[in-house]
Protein backbone atom coordinates (compact mmCIF):
# COMPACT_ATOMS: atom_id res chain seq x y z
CA MET A 1 203.00 -189.96 119.69
CA THR A 2 201.28 -186.59 120.02
CA THR A 3 201.05 -184.33 117.00
CA THR A 4 202.32 -180.76 116.80
CA THR A 5 198.70 -179.58 116.85
CA GLU A 6 198.00 -181.48 120.06
CA GLN A 7 201.19 -180.23 121.68
CA THR A 8 200.33 -176.67 120.73
CA GLN A 9 196.81 -176.85 122.09
CA ASP A 10 197.97 -178.54 125.30
CA TYR A 11 200.57 -175.84 125.86
CA ILE A 12 198.03 -173.06 125.38
CA LYS A 13 195.55 -174.76 127.72
CA GLU A 14 198.23 -175.04 130.40
CA HIS A 15 199.05 -171.31 130.22
CA PRO A 16 195.92 -169.23 131.01
CA ASP A 17 197.63 -165.92 130.24
CA ILE A 18 198.40 -167.01 126.67
CA LYS A 19 194.98 -168.60 126.31
CA ASN A 20 193.17 -165.41 127.38
CA CYS A 21 195.19 -163.23 125.00
CA LEU A 22 194.58 -165.68 122.16
CA LYS A 23 190.88 -165.80 122.91
CA LYS A 24 190.62 -162.01 122.78
CA GLY A 25 192.74 -161.72 119.62
CA LEU A 26 195.51 -159.84 121.43
CA ILE A 27 198.44 -161.91 120.27
CA ASN A 28 200.88 -162.09 117.35
CA TYR A 29 200.67 -165.58 115.89
CA SER A 30 204.19 -165.60 114.46
CA SER A 31 205.71 -164.59 117.80
CA LEU A 32 203.53 -167.15 119.55
CA ALA A 33 204.63 -169.91 117.17
CA ARG A 34 208.31 -169.09 117.76
CA PHE A 35 207.79 -168.97 121.51
CA ILE A 36 205.88 -172.25 121.74
CA GLY A 37 208.34 -173.92 119.36
CA LYS A 38 211.18 -173.02 121.70
CA GLU A 39 209.25 -174.08 124.78
CA ILE A 40 208.37 -177.54 123.44
CA ASN A 41 211.72 -177.98 121.68
CA ILE A 42 210.46 -177.82 118.11
CA GLU A 43 212.76 -175.62 116.06
CA LYS A 44 212.06 -176.73 112.47
CA LYS A 45 210.47 -174.11 110.21
CA THR A 46 207.73 -176.52 109.07
CA SER A 47 206.90 -177.32 112.68
CA LYS A 48 206.64 -173.62 113.56
CA GLU A 49 204.23 -173.18 110.65
CA ALA A 50 202.19 -176.09 112.02
CA ILE A 51 202.15 -174.44 115.45
CA LEU A 52 200.95 -171.18 113.90
CA ILE A 53 198.10 -172.95 112.04
CA ALA A 54 197.17 -174.91 115.18
CA ALA A 55 197.02 -171.70 117.23
CA ARG A 56 194.76 -170.01 114.67
CA ARG A 57 192.40 -172.97 114.64
CA PHE A 58 192.38 -173.19 118.41
CA ARG A 59 191.43 -169.53 118.59
CA GLU A 60 188.26 -170.31 116.63
CA LYS A 61 187.32 -172.86 119.29
CA LEU A 62 188.05 -170.36 122.03
CA LYS A 63 185.56 -167.91 120.55
CA GLN A 64 182.83 -170.18 121.93
CA GLU A 65 184.14 -169.47 125.44
CA ILE A 66 183.43 -165.78 124.91
CA ASN A 67 179.76 -166.65 124.55
CA TYR A 68 179.95 -168.75 127.71
CA GLU A 69 181.53 -165.84 129.57
CA GLU A 70 178.71 -163.54 128.50
CA GLU A 71 176.22 -166.04 129.91
CA ILE A 72 178.21 -166.33 133.13
CA ARG A 73 178.41 -162.56 133.55
CA LYS A 74 174.68 -162.29 132.93
CA VAL A 75 173.97 -164.74 135.76
CA LEU A 76 176.44 -163.00 138.08
CA SER A 77 174.98 -159.57 137.29
CA GLN A 78 171.70 -160.86 138.73
CA SER A 79 173.39 -162.11 141.90
CA GLU A 80 173.46 -160.34 145.23
CA LEU A 81 176.81 -159.82 146.92
CA ASP A 82 176.96 -160.19 150.69
CA ILE A 83 180.13 -159.38 152.68
CA LYS A 84 180.81 -160.43 156.26
CA ASN A 85 183.93 -159.22 158.07
CA LYS A 86 185.52 -160.56 161.26
CA ILE A 87 185.57 -164.15 160.04
CA SER A 88 187.84 -166.95 161.28
CA VAL A 89 188.66 -170.38 159.87
CA PHE A 90 189.62 -173.33 162.08
CA ILE A 91 191.01 -176.68 160.99
CA ILE A 92 190.08 -179.18 163.69
CA ASN A 93 191.14 -182.80 164.05
CA LYS A 94 188.29 -185.17 163.32
CA SER A 95 188.73 -187.08 166.60
CA ILE A 96 186.46 -184.70 168.51
CA ASN A 97 183.12 -184.96 170.19
CA PHE A 98 180.95 -183.85 167.30
CA ASP A 99 177.89 -183.41 169.55
CA PHE A 100 179.32 -180.17 170.91
CA MET A 101 180.02 -178.96 167.39
CA GLN A 102 176.40 -179.56 166.45
CA GLU A 103 175.17 -177.81 169.58
CA LEU A 104 177.39 -174.81 168.86
CA GLN A 105 176.16 -174.69 165.27
CA LYS A 106 172.55 -174.80 166.48
CA GLN A 107 173.19 -171.99 168.97
CA ILE A 108 174.85 -169.78 166.38
CA ARG A 109 172.12 -170.40 163.82
CA GLN A 110 169.51 -169.37 166.39
CA GLU A 111 171.38 -166.11 166.77
CA TYR A 112 171.46 -165.74 162.94
CA GLY A 113 175.23 -166.03 163.06
CA THR A 114 177.64 -167.50 160.52
CA PHE A 115 178.82 -171.08 160.99
CA TYR A 116 179.84 -173.53 158.25
CA ILE A 117 181.36 -176.99 158.69
CA ILE A 118 183.21 -178.74 155.87
CA GLU A 119 184.12 -182.37 156.50
CA GLY A 120 187.48 -183.56 155.18
CA SER A 121 189.08 -186.98 155.27
CA ASP A 122 190.73 -186.43 158.67
CA ASN A 123 189.62 -182.96 159.77
CA TYR A 124 186.78 -180.45 159.93
CA THR A 125 187.06 -176.95 158.50
CA VAL A 126 184.95 -174.50 160.49
CA ILE A 127 184.12 -171.05 159.15
CA THR A 128 182.57 -168.74 161.71
CA GLN A 129 182.52 -165.22 163.16
CA ASP A 130 185.30 -164.05 165.45
CA LYS A 131 182.93 -163.70 168.41
CA TYR A 132 182.42 -167.48 168.49
CA THR A 133 186.09 -168.45 168.34
CA VAL A 134 186.56 -168.35 172.13
CA GLN A 135 184.12 -171.23 172.52
CA LEU A 136 185.88 -173.23 169.80
CA GLU A 137 189.33 -172.61 171.25
CA LYS A 138 188.20 -173.46 174.77
CA LYS A 139 186.50 -176.71 173.79
CA PHE A 140 188.94 -177.96 171.13
CA SER A 141 192.23 -176.39 172.24
CA GLN A 142 194.15 -179.67 171.86
CA LYS A 143 192.46 -180.58 168.56
CA ILE A 144 192.96 -177.36 166.60
CA ILE A 145 195.43 -178.01 163.78
CA HIS A 146 195.41 -174.50 162.32
CA LYS A 147 193.49 -171.26 162.69
CA ASN A 148 193.28 -168.26 160.40
CA LYS A 149 191.79 -164.96 161.53
CA ASP A 150 191.21 -161.46 160.15
CA LEU A 151 189.25 -162.84 157.21
CA ALA A 152 186.12 -161.88 155.30
CA LEU A 153 183.35 -163.94 153.70
CA ILE A 154 182.15 -162.97 150.23
CA ASN A 155 178.89 -164.64 149.26
CA PHE A 156 177.35 -164.62 145.79
CA LYS A 157 173.61 -165.24 146.20
CA SER A 158 172.51 -166.22 142.72
CA GLN A 159 169.31 -167.27 140.97
CA LYS A 160 168.62 -170.99 140.65
CA GLU A 161 169.56 -170.79 136.95
CA ILE A 162 173.22 -170.75 138.02
CA GLU A 163 173.27 -174.56 138.17
CA GLN A 164 172.55 -174.67 134.43
CA VAL A 165 175.47 -172.41 133.50
CA ARG A 166 178.83 -174.14 133.26
CA GLY A 167 182.10 -172.58 134.33
CA VAL A 168 180.81 -170.03 136.86
CA ILE A 169 183.12 -171.04 139.70
CA ALA A 170 186.08 -171.45 137.33
CA TYR A 171 185.41 -167.94 135.99
CA LEU A 172 185.24 -166.43 139.48
CA THR A 173 188.34 -168.20 140.82
CA ALA A 174 190.26 -167.04 137.73
CA LEU A 175 189.31 -163.43 138.55
CA PHE A 176 190.62 -163.78 142.10
CA ASN A 177 193.86 -165.28 140.79
CA GLU A 178 194.37 -162.65 138.09
CA HIS A 179 194.01 -159.87 140.66
CA GLY A 180 196.32 -161.48 143.21
CA VAL A 181 193.67 -162.29 145.81
CA ASN A 182 194.20 -165.59 147.60
CA ILE A 183 191.11 -167.70 148.31
CA VAL A 184 191.50 -169.15 151.80
CA GLU A 185 188.37 -171.29 151.56
CA LEU A 186 185.70 -171.89 148.93
CA LEU A 187 182.35 -173.60 149.23
CA SER A 188 179.16 -173.82 147.23
CA CYS A 189 175.65 -174.36 148.61
CA TRP A 190 173.36 -174.51 145.56
CA THR A 191 172.71 -170.84 144.79
CA ASP A 192 175.28 -169.55 147.30
CA THR A 193 178.93 -169.40 146.26
CA LEU A 194 181.16 -168.41 149.16
CA PHE A 195 184.76 -167.20 149.15
CA VAL A 196 186.82 -166.62 152.28
CA VAL A 197 189.63 -164.10 151.73
CA SER A 198 191.87 -161.87 153.82
CA SER A 199 190.08 -158.77 155.10
CA LYS A 200 192.71 -156.56 153.46
CA ASP A 201 191.67 -157.89 150.04
CA VAL A 202 187.94 -157.12 150.30
CA ASN A 203 188.05 -153.68 148.67
CA LYS A 204 190.18 -155.01 145.81
CA ALA A 205 187.76 -157.92 145.32
CA LEU A 206 184.76 -155.59 145.19
CA MET A 207 186.37 -153.77 142.27
CA PHE A 208 186.68 -156.83 140.03
CA LEU A 209 183.45 -158.49 141.17
CA LYS A 210 181.25 -155.84 139.57
CA PHE A 211 179.13 -157.34 136.80
């Protein structure tokens, strides 16, 4: 059977908004204890006191995350931000002739174009520029499961030290979520961290991606 402390900490972990306020010291512990007590069906006064103590102790642990965030922001402040508009994403059934896909990728790379392939269990996700979509649609018209256009590619080009810093991607995805920007696709290639978002969200993203 889980203890009140464990229940309290689990609840806070599962609710990022509460966790962030607690971490920054922007929360009333008594109100929090009453709220969590009601949420997890613990109404006894002694239990609420236990929740309050557990929340205070958990906040001390969360202070360590502030140091991690400072390290993350330091790495990101040294990153270059590259934006490409007119991007499309195709989901293509895996039962295709992959030779053509490789030839198309080679051609686009020779033209210094954008072309990424992500292999799933039963499909390929292709991220490319709009000007190459005609070729994809012509060749794989019967194999295209879904296509998404009017997108943009945001690429963080970081220093190699990024692989030694934990939580970078989690920190970035949380920023997108907090500002209401949906991530259509996400991929990481060592020092490159790439986000595909709607073109209409690019300006908003640039505001909260300043480090």
